[in-house]
PDB file of all heavy atoms in Angstrom:
ATOM      1  N   ARG A   1       0.837  -1.202  -0.001  1.00  0.00           N
ATOM      2  CA  ARG A   1      -0.015   0.007   0.006  1.00  0.00           C
ATOM      3  C   ARG A   1       0.891   1.258  -0.014  1.00  0.00           C
ATOM      4  O   ARG A   1       1.661   1.467   0.916  1.00  0.00           O
ATOM      5  CB  ARG A   1      -0.919   0.009   1.215  1.00  0.00           C
ATOM      6  CG  ARG A   1      -1.883   1.184   1.257  1.00  0.00           C
ATOM      7  CD  ARG A   1      -2.804   1.082   2.452  1.00  0.00           C
ATOM      8  NE  ARG A   1      -3.703   2.223   2.521  1.00  0.00           N
ATOM      9  CZ  ARG A   1      -4.627   2.397   3.463  1.00  0.00           C
ATOM     10  NH1 ARG A   1      -4.746   1.495   4.426  1.00  0.00           N
ATOM     11  NH2 ARG A   1      -5.438   3.426   3.440  1.00  0.00           N
ATOM     12  N   PRO A   2       0.789   2.083  -1.028  1.00  0.00           N
ATOM     13  CA  PRO A   2       1.683   3.253  -1.120  1.00  0.00           C
ATOM     14  C   PRO A   2       1.202   4.436  -0.305  1.00  0.00           C
ATOM     15  O   PRO A   2      -0.005   4.596  -0.063  1.00  0.00           O
ATOM     16  CB  PRO A   2       1.674   3.600  -2.619  1.00  0.00           C
ATOM     17  CG  PRO A   2       0.316   3.159  -3.058  1.00  0.00           C
ATOM     18  CD  PRO A   2      -0.039   1.927  -2.240  1.00  0.00           C
ATOM     19  N   ASP A   3       2.148   5.247   0.101  1.00  0.00           N
ATOM     20  CA  ASP A   3       1.837   6.544   0.737  1.00  0.00           C
ATOM     21  C   ASP A   3       2.425   7.618  -0.191  1.00  0.00           C
ATOM     22  O   ASP A   3       3.663   7.745  -0.274  1.00  0.00           O
ATOM     23  CB  ASP A   3       2.493   6.604   2.117  1.00  0.00           C
ATOM     24  CG  ASP A   3       2.273   7.966   2.821  1.00  0.00           C
ATOM     25  OD1 ASP A   3       1.701   8.863   2.178  1.00  0.00           O
ATOM     26  OD2 ASP A   3       2.631   8.069   3.991  1.00  0.00           O
ATOM     27  N   PRO A   4       1.601   8.380  -0.866  1.00  0.00           N
ATOM     28  CA  PRO A   4       2.106   9.326  -1.877  1.00  0.00           C
ATOM     29  C   PRO A   4       2.936  10.445  -1.248  1.00  0.00           C
ATOM     30  O   PRO A   4       3.706  11.144  -1.971  1.00  0.00           O
ATOM     31  CB  PRO A   4       0.836   9.879  -2.505  1.00  0.00           C
ATOM     32  CG  PRO A   4      -0.214   9.677  -1.527  1.00  0.00           C
ATOM     33  CD  PRO A   4       0.129   8.416  -0.796  1.00  0.00           C
ATOM     34  N   TYR A   5       2.836  10.665   0.080  1.00  0.00           N
ATOM     35  CA  TYR A   5       3.595  11.742   0.691  1.00  0.00           C
ATOM     36  C   TYR A   5       4.847  11.234   1.439  1.00  0.00           C
ATOM     37  O   TYR A   5       5.491  12.024   2.134  1.00  0.00           O
ATOM     38  CB  TYR A   5       2.698  12.488   1.687  1.00  0.00           C
ATOM     39  CG  TYR A   5       1.449  13.071   1.047  1.00  0.00           C
ATOM     40  CD1 TYR A   5       0.190  12.687   1.490  1.00  0.00           C
ATOM     41  CD2 TYR A   5       1.543  13.999   0.027  1.00  0.00           C
ATOM     42  CE1 TYR A   5      -0.965  13.239   0.921  1.00  0.00           C
ATOM     43  CE2 TYR A   5       0.428  14.530  -0.558  1.00  0.00           C
ATOM     44  CZ  TYR A   5      -0.840  14.152  -0.129  1.00  0.00           C
ATOM     45  OH  TYR A   5      -1.957  14.675  -0.700  1.00  0.00           O
ATOM     46  N   ALA A   6       5.169   9.970   1.279  1.00  0.00           N
ATOM     47  CA  ALA A   6       6.302   9.402   2.017  1.00  0.00           C
ATOM     48  C   ALA A   6       7.612   9.618   1.273  1.00  0.00           C
ATOM     49  O   ALA A   6       8.279   8.708   0.885  1.00  0.00           O
ATOM     50  CB  ALA A   6       6.074   7.924   2.272  1.00  0.00           C
ATOM     51  N   PHE A   7       7.974  10.885   1.097  1.00  0.00           N
ATOM     52  CA  PHE A   7       9.215  11.226   0.432  1.00  0.00           C
ATOM     53  C   PHE A   7      10.409  10.997   1.345  1.00  0.00           C
ATOM     54  O   PHE A   7      11.488  10.634   0.892  1.00  0.00           O
ATOM     55  CB  PHE A   7       9.169  12.669  -0.045  1.00  0.00           C
ATOM     56  CG  PHE A   7       8.062  12.970  -1.010  1.00  0.00           C
ATOM     57  CD1 PHE A   7       6.884  13.550  -0.572  1.00  0.00           C
ATOM     58  CD2 PHE A   7       8.198  12.634  -2.369  1.00  0.00           C
ATOM     59  CE1 PHE A   7       5.844  13.788  -1.497  1.00  0.00           C
ATOM     60  CE2 PHE A   7       7.144  12.905  -3.262  1.00  0.00           C
ATOM     61  CZ  PHE A   7       5.989  13.490  -2.823  1.00  0.00           C
ATOM     62  N   ASP A   8      10.210  11.258   2.623  1.00  0.00           N
ATOM     63  CA  ASP A   8      11.222  11.012   3.662  1.00  0.00           C
ATOM     64  C   ASP A   8      12.549  11.662   3.347  1.00  0.00           C
ATOM     65  O   ASP A   8      13.620  11.072   3.552  1.00  0.00           O
ATOM     66  CB  ASP A   8      11.372   9.507   3.895  1.00  0.00           C
ATOM     67  CG  ASP A   8      10.191   8.878   4.625  1.00  0.00           C
ATOM     68  OD1 ASP A   8       9.135   9.575   4.709  1.00  0.00           O
ATOM     69  OD2 ASP A   8      10.315   7.745   5.064  1.00  0.00           O
ATOM     70  N   LEU A   9      12.541  12.887   2.854  1.00  0.00           N
ATOM     71  CA  LEU A   9      13.755  13.617   2.623  1.00  0.00           C
ATOM     72  C   LEU A   9      14.259  14.198   3.946  1.00  0.00           C
ATOM     73  O   LEU A   9      13.446  14.579   4.814  1.00  0.00           O
ATOM     74  CB  LEU A   9      13.488  14.746   1.629  1.00  0.00           C
ATOM     75  CG  LEU A   9      13.225  14.294   0.190  1.00  0.00           C
ATOM     76  CD1 LEU A   9      12.552  15.397  -0.631  1.00  0.00           C
ATOM     77  CD2 LEU A   9      14.502  13.848  -0.489  1.00  0.00           C
ATOM     78  N   ALA A  10      15.559  14.276   4.118  1.00  0.00           N
ATOM     79  CA  ALA A  10      16.149  14.738   5.376  1.00  0.00           C
ATOM     80  C   ALA A  10      17.174  15.811   5.062  1.00  0.00           C
ATOM     81  O   ALA A  10      18.374  15.510   5.043  1.00  0.00           O
ATOM     82  CB  ALA A  10      16.759  13.567   6.127  1.00  0.00           C
ATOM     83  N   PRO A  11      16.730  17.047   4.863  1.00  0.00           N
ATOM     84  CA  PRO A  11      17.677  18.113   4.552  1.00  0.00           C
ATOM     85  C   PRO A  11      18.500  18.487   5.774  1.00  0.00           C
ATOM     86  O   PRO A  11      18.064  18.251   6.909  1.00  0.00           O
ATOM     87  CB  PRO A  11      16.792  19.261   4.100  1.00  0.00           C
ATOM     88  CG  PRO A  11      15.476  19.017   4.753  1.00  0.00           C
ATOM     89  CD  PRO A  11      15.341  17.506   4.803  1.00  0.00           C
ATOM     90  N   PRO A  12      19.669  19.093   5.586  1.00  0.00           N
ATOM     91  CA  PRO A  12      20.443  19.523   6.740  1.00  0.00           C
ATOM     92  C   PRO A  12      19.774  20.792   7.322  1.00  0.00           C
ATOM     93  O   PRO A  12      18.861  21.367   6.749  1.00  0.00           O
ATOM     94  CB  PRO A  12      21.779  19.861   6.110  1.00  0.00           C
ATOM     95  CG  PRO A  12      21.434  20.237   4.659  1.00  0.00           C
ATOM     96  CD  PRO A  12      20.326  19.315   4.295  1.00  0.00           C
ATOM     97  N   PRO A  13      20.226  21.239   8.500  1.00  0.00           N
ATOM     98  CA  PRO A  13      19.684  22.471   9.067  1.00  0.00           C
ATOM     99  C   PRO A  13      19.950  23.662   8.183  1.00  0.00           C
ATOM    100  O   PRO A  13      20.935  23.697   7.430  1.00  0.00           O
ATOM    101  CB  PRO A  13      20.456  22.604  10.392  1.00  0.00           C
ATOM    102  CG  PRO A  13      20.940  21.227  10.705  1.00  0.00           C
ATOM    103  CD  PRO A  13      21.206  20.581   9.376  1.00  0.00           C
ATOM    104  N   LEU A  14      19.026  24.621   8.233  1.00  0.00           N
ATOM    105  CA  LEU A  14      19.197  25.859   7.439  1.00  0.00           C
ATOM    106  C   LEU A  14      20.426  26.590   7.921  1.00  0.00           C
ATOM    107  O   LEU A  14      20.551  26.915   9.116  1.00  0.00           O
ATOM    108  CB  LEU A  14      17.929  26.727   7.595  1.00  0.00           C
ATOM    109  CG  LEU A  14      17.915  28.053   6.834  1.00  0.00           C
ATOM    110  CD1 LEU A  14      17.942  27.822   5.322  1.00  0.00           C
ATOM    111  CD2 LEU A  14      16.690  28.872   7.208  1.00  0.00           C
ATOM    112  N   ALA A  15      21.329  26.875   6.973  1.00  0.00           N
ATOM    113  CA  ALA A  15      22.619  27.508   7.380  1.00  0.00           C
ATOM    114  C   ALA A  15      22.803  28.873   6.748  1.00  0.00           C
ATOM    115  O   ALA A  15      23.945  29.336   6.651  1.00  0.00           O
ATOM    116  CB  ALA A  15      23.772  26.577   6.960  1.00  0.00           C
ATOM    117  N   VAL A  16      21.738  29.498   6.274  1.00  0.00           N
ATOM    118  CA  VAL A  16      21.817  30.868   5.705  1.00  0.00           C
ATOM    119  C   VAL A  16      21.395  31.817   6.800  1.00  0.00           C
ATOM    120  O   VAL A  16      20.227  31.920   7.160  1.00  0.00           O
ATOM    121  CB  VAL A  16      20.919  31.001   4.476  1.00  0.00           C
ATOM    122  CG1 VAL A  16      21.083  32.396   3.874  1.00  0.00           C
ATOM    123  CG2 VAL A  16      21.259  29.930   3.435  1.00  0.00           C
ATOM    124  N   ALA A  17      22.365  32.530   7.356  1.00  0.00           N
ATOM    125  CA  ALA A  17      22.136  33.376   8.549  1.00  0.00           C
ATOM    126  C   ALA A  17      21.043  34.408   8.365  1.00  0.00           C
ATOM    127  O   ALA A  17      20.344  34.794   9.307  1.00  0.00           O
ATOM    128  CB  ALA A  17      23.457  33.979   8.997  1.00  0.00           C
ATOM    129  N   SER A  18      20.949  34.935   7.149  1.00  0.00           N
ATOM    130  CA  SER A  18      20.005  36.078   6.906  1.00  0.00           C
ATOM    131  C   SER A  18      18.559  35.583   6.651  1.00  0.00           C
ATOM    132  O   SER A  18      17.703  36.402   6.363  1.00  0.00           O
ATOM    133  CB  SER A  18      20.490  36.908   5.739  1.00  0.00           C
ATOM    134  OG  SER A  18      20.618  36.117   4.583  1.00  0.00           O
ATOM    135  N   LEU A  19      18.307  34.302   6.736  1.00  0.00           N
ATOM    136  CA  LEU A  19      16.963  33.761   6.551  1.00  0.00           C
ATOM    137  C   LEU A  19      16.423  33.189   7.838  1.00  0.00           C
ATOM    138  O   LEU A  19      17.035  32.301   8.448  1.00  0.00           O
ATOM    139  CB  LEU A  19      16.968  32.676   5.451  1.00  0.00           C
ATOM    140  CG  LEU A  19      17.379  33.091   4.038  1.00  0.00           C
ATOM    141  CD1 LEU A  19      17.410  31.902   3.084  1.00  0.00           C
ATOM    142  CD2 LEU A  19      16.454  34.175   3.497  1.00  0.00           C
ATOM    143  N   ASP A  20      15.266  33.682   8.234  1.00  0.00           N
ATOM    144  CA  ASP A  20      14.562  33.192   9.407  1.00  0.00           C
ATOM    145  C   ASP A  20      13.559  32.143   9.007  1.00  0.00           C
ATOM    146  O   ASP A  20      12.689  32.427   8.184  1.00  0.00           O
ATOM    147  CB  ASP A  20      13.874  34.323  10.209  1.00  0.00           C
ATOM    148  CG  ASP A  20      14.856  35.313  10.746  1.00  0.00           C
ATOM    149  OD1 ASP A  20      15.975  34.905  11.116  1.00  0.00           O
ATOM    150  OD2 ASP A  20      14.498  36.491  10.812  1.00  0.00           O
ATOM    151  N   PRO A  21      13.606  30.913   9.581  1.00  0.00           N
ATOM    152  CA  PRO A  21      12.668  29.890   9.196  1.00  0.00           C
ATOM    153  C   PRO A  21      11.194  30.330   9.227  1.00  0.00           C
ATOM    154  O   PRO A  21      10.777  30.915  10.205  1.00  0.00           O
ATOM    155  CB  PRO A  21      12.924  28.760  10.211  1.00  0.00           C
ATOM    156  CG  PRO A  21      14.370  28.965  10.613  1.00  0.00           C
ATOM    157  CD  PRO A  21      14.575  30.451  10.597  1.00  0.00           C
ATOM    158  N   GLY A  22      10.510  30.065   8.154  1.00  0.00           N
ATOM    159  CA  GLY A  22       9.096  30.374   8.063  1.00  0.00           C
ATOM    160  C   GLY A  22       8.769  31.805   7.771  1.00  0.00           C
ATOM    161  O   GLY A  22       7.593  32.202   7.598  1.00  0.00           O
ATOM    162  N   ARG A  23       9.811  32.667   7.602  1.00  0.00           N
ATOM    163  CA  ARG A  23       9.539  34.114   7.453  1.00  0.00           C
ATOM    164  C   ARG A  23      10.122  34.666   6.133  1.00  0.00           C
ATOM    165  O   ARG A  23      10.291  35.865   5.994  1.00  0.00           O
ATOM    166  CB  ARG A  23      10.114  34.877   8.644  1.00  0.00           C
ATOM    167  CG  ARG A  23       9.561  34.415   9.985  1.00  0.00           C
ATOM    168  CD  ARG A  23      10.053  35.245  11.117  1.00  0.00           C
ATOM    169  NE  ARG A  23       9.566  36.641  11.017  1.00  0.00           N
ATOM    170  CZ  ARG A  23       9.884  37.613  11.886  1.00  0.00           C
ATOM    171  NH1 ARG A  23      10.675  37.314  12.910  1.00  0.00           N
ATOM    172  NH2 ARG A  23       9.412  38.796  11.725  1.00  0.00           N
ATOM    173  N   TYR A  24      10.392  33.807   5.224  1.00  0.00           N
ATOM    174  CA  TYR A  24      10.881  34.278   3.898  1.00  0.00           C
ATOM    175  C   TYR A  24      10.185  33.489   2.794  1.00  0.00           C
ATOM    176  O   TYR A  24       9.569  32.452   3.015  1.00  0.00           O
ATOM    177  CB  TYR A  24      12.396  34.104   3.786  1.00  0.00           C
ATOM    178  CG  TYR A  24      12.919  32.671   3.894  1.00  0.00           C
ATOM    179  CD1 TYR A  24      13.033  31.888   2.751  1.00  0.00           C
ATOM    180  CD2 TYR A  24      13.218  32.114   5.110  1.00  0.00           C
ATOM    181  CE1 TYR A  24      13.492  30.582   2.838  1.00  0.00           C
ATOM    182  CE2 TYR A  24      13.658  30.808   5.204  1.00  0.00           C
ATOM    183  CZ  TYR A  24      13.802  30.057   4.083  1.00  0.00           C
ATOM    184  OH  TYR A  24      14.216  28.749   4.160  1.00  0.00           O
ATOM    185  N   VAL A  25      10.258  34.081   1.598  1.00  0.00           N
ATOM    186  CA  VAL A  25       9.591  33.490   0.432  1.00  0.00           C
ATOM    187  C   VAL A  25      10.728  33.110  -0.588  1.00  0.00           C
ATOM    188  O   VAL A  25      11.610  33.923  -0.876  1.00  0.00           O
ATOM    189  CB  VAL A  25       8.617  34.462  -0.273  1.00  0.00           C
ATOM    190  CG1 VAL A  25       8.115  33.928  -1.602  1.00  0.00           C
ATOM    191  CG2 VAL A  25       7.452  34.757   0.667  1.00  0.00           C
ATOM    192  N   VAL A  26      10.647  31.885  -1.106  1.00  0.00           N
ATOM    193  CA  VAL A  26      11.583  31.461  -2.159  1.00  0.00           C
ATOM    194  C   VAL A  26      10.990  31.682  -3.489  1.00  0.00           C
ATOM    195  O   VAL A  26       9.812  31.320  -3.757  1.00  0.00           O
ATOM    196  CB  VAL A  26      11.949  29.952  -1.960  1.00  0.00           C
ATOM    197  CG1 VAL A  26      12.783  29.458  -3.157  1.00  0.00           C
ATOM    198  CG2 VAL A  26      12.710  29.765  -0.678  1.00  0.00           C
ATOM    199  N   LEU A  27      11.771  32.273  -4.389  1.00  0.00           N
ATOM    200  CA  LEU A  27      11.357  32.427  -5.787  1.00  0.00           C
ATOM    201  C   LEU A  27      12.272  31.549  -6.658  1.00  0.00           C
ATOM    202  O   LEU A  27      13.506  31.681  -6.578  1.00  0.00           O
ATOM    203  CB  LEU A  27      11.503  33.891  -6.233  1.00  0.00           C
ATOM    204  CG  LEU A  27      10.726  34.959  -5.454  1.00  0.00           C
ATOM    205  CD1 LEU A  27      11.019  36.325  -5.987  1.00  0.00           C
ATOM    206  CD2 LEU A  27       9.204  34.675  -5.548  1.00  0.00           C
ATOM    207  N   HIS A  28      11.676  30.683  -7.441  1.00  0.00           N
ATOM    208  CA  HIS A  28      12.440  29.873  -8.376  1.00  0.00           C
ATOM    209  C   HIS A  28      11.927  30.196  -9.806  1.00  0.00           C
ATOM    210  O   HIS A  28      10.855  29.741 -10.180  1.00  0.00           O
ATOM    211  CB  HIS A  28      12.332  28.359  -8.104  1.00  0.00           C
ATOM    212  CG  HIS A  28      13.051  27.573  -9.136  1.00  0.00           C
ATOM    213  ND1 HIS A  28      12.451  26.974 -10.206  1.00  0.00           N
ATOM    214  CD2 HIS A  28      14.410  27.298  -9.268  1.00  0.00           C
ATOM    215  CE1 HIS A  28      13.348  26.344 -10.948  1.00  0.00           C
ATOM    216  NE2 HIS A  28      14.513  26.563 -10.413  1.00  0.00           N
ATOM    217  N   PRO A  29      12.673  30.991 -10.588  1.00  0.00           N
ATOM    218  CA  PRO A  29      12.119  31.506 -11.830  1.00  0.00           C
ATOM    219  C   PRO A  29      12.535  30.669 -13.094  1.00  0.00           C
ATOM    220  O   PRO A  29      12.249  31.110 -14.204  1.00  0.00           O
ATOM    221  CB  PRO A  29      12.778  32.888 -11.916  1.00  0.00           C
ATOM    222  CG  PRO A  29      14.078  32.739 -11.238  1.00  0.00           C
ATOM    223  CD  PRO A  29      13.898  31.676 -10.174  1.00  0.00           C
ATOM    224  N   TYR A  30      13.184  29.534 -12.924  1.00  0.00           N
ATOM    225  CA  TYR A  30      13.780  28.875 -14.085  1.00  0.00           C
ATOM    226  C   TYR A  30      13.075  27.594 -14.474  1.00  0.00           C
ATOM    227  O   TYR A  30      12.365  26.958 -13.673  1.00  0.00           O
ATOM    228  CB  TYR A  30      15.250  28.569 -13.811  1.00  0.00           C
ATOM    229  CG  TYR A  30      16.084  29.816 -13.611  1.00  0.00           C
ATOM    230  CD1 TYR A  30      16.645  30.125 -12.396  1.00  0.00           C
ATOM    231  CD2 TYR A  30      16.317  30.680 -14.675  1.00  0.00           C
ATOM    232  CE1 TYR A  30      17.392  31.258 -12.223  1.00  0.00           C
ATOM    233  CE2 TYR A  30      17.045  31.855 -14.509  1.00  0.00           C
ATOM    234  CZ  TYR A  30      17.604  32.149 -13.264  1.00  0.00           C
ATOM    235  OH  TYR A  30      18.348  33.269 -13.117  1.00  0.00           O
ATOM    236  N   SER A  31      13.297  27.173 -15.710  1.00  0.00           N
ATOM    237  CA  SER A  31      12.874  25.872 -16.225  1.00  0.00           C
ATOM    238  C   SER A  31      13.653  25.640 -17.512  1.00  0.00           C
ATOM    239  O   SER A  31      14.084  26.573 -18.211  1.00  0.00           O
ATOM    240  CB  SER A  31      11.373  25.883 -16.526  1.00  0.00           C
ATOM    241  OG  SER A  31      10.991  24.657 -17.160  1.00  0.00           O
ATOM    242  N   ARG A  32      13.754  24.361 -17.907  1.00  0.00           N
ATOM    243  CA  ARG A  32      14.450  24.057 -19.151  1.00  0.00           C
ATOM    244  C   ARG A  32      13.547  24.388 -20.379  1.00  0.00           C
ATOM    245  O   ARG A  32      14.046  24.526 -21.462  1.00  0.00           O
ATOM    246  CB  ARG A  32      14.881  22.595 -19.205  1.00  0.00           C
ATOM    247  CG  ARG A  32      16.043  22.278 -18.320  1.00  0.00           C
ATOM    248  CD  ARG A  32      16.479  20.841 -18.441  1.00  0.00           C
ATOM    249  NE  ARG A  32      15.479  19.897 -17.927  1.00  0.00           N
ATOM    250  CZ  ARG A  32      15.602  18.587 -17.950  1.00  0.00           C
ATOM    251  NH1 ARG A  32      16.686  18.062 -18.464  1.00  0.00           N
ATOM    252  NH2 ARG A  32      14.636  17.831 -17.479  1.00  0.00           N
ATOM    253  N   TRP A  33      12.254  24.461 -20.142  1.00  0.00           N
ATOM    254  CA  TRP A  33      11.319  24.851 -21.210  1.00  0.00           C
ATOM    255  C   TRP A  33      11.045  26.354 -21.129  1.00  0.00           C
ATOM    256  O   TRP A  33      10.649  26.860 -20.087  1.00  0.00           O
ATOM    257  CB  TRP A  33       9.998  24.108 -21.065  1.00  0.00           C
ATOM    258  CG  TRP A  33      10.009  22.682 -21.345  1.00  0.00           C
ATOM    259  CD1 TRP A  33      11.067  21.802 -21.217  1.00  0.00           C
ATOM    260  CD2 TRP A  33       8.889  21.875 -21.729  1.00  0.00           C
ATOM    261  NE1 TRP A  33      10.679  20.544 -21.523  1.00  0.00           N
ATOM    262  CE2 TRP A  33       9.356  20.529 -21.846  1.00  0.00           C
ATOM    263  CE3 TRP A  33       7.564  22.137 -22.018  1.00  0.00           C
ATOM    264  CZ2 TRP A  33       8.505  19.521 -22.254  1.00  0.00           C
ATOM    265  CZ3 TRP A  33       6.704  21.124 -22.380  1.00  0.00           C
ATOM    266  CH2 TRP A  33       7.177  19.838 -22.523  1.00  0.00           C
ATOM    267  N   ARG A  34      11.223  27.033 -22.247  1.00  0.00           N
ATOM    268  CA  ARG A  34      10.921  28.453 -22.269  1.00  0.00           C
ATOM    269  C   ARG A  34       9.453  28.725 -21.998  1.00  0.00           C
ATOM    270  O   ARG A  34       9.094  29.726 -21.404  1.00  0.00           O
ATOM    271  CB  ARG A  34      11.347  29.035 -23.609  1.00  0.00           C
ATOM    272  CG  ARG A  34      11.189  30.539 -23.694  1.00  0.00           C
ATOM    273  CD  ARG A  34      11.622  31.115 -25.013  1.00  0.00           C
ATOM    274  NE  ARG A  34      11.503  32.553 -25.048  1.00  0.00           N
ATOM    275  CZ  ARG A  34      11.766  33.289 -26.142  1.00  0.00           C
ATOM    276  NH1 ARG A  34      12.238  32.698 -27.228  1.00  0.00           N
ATOM    277  NH2 ARG A  34      11.607  34.605 -26.101  1.00  0.00           N
TER     278      ARG A  34
END
């Protein structure tokens, strides 16, 4: 039985001093398709 949300990724702690967890917005503007 699958769990579609069971990605189980384990990123390291946030190490960017100028970013407060939960208080910033990430913009990703790129793609390989124009």
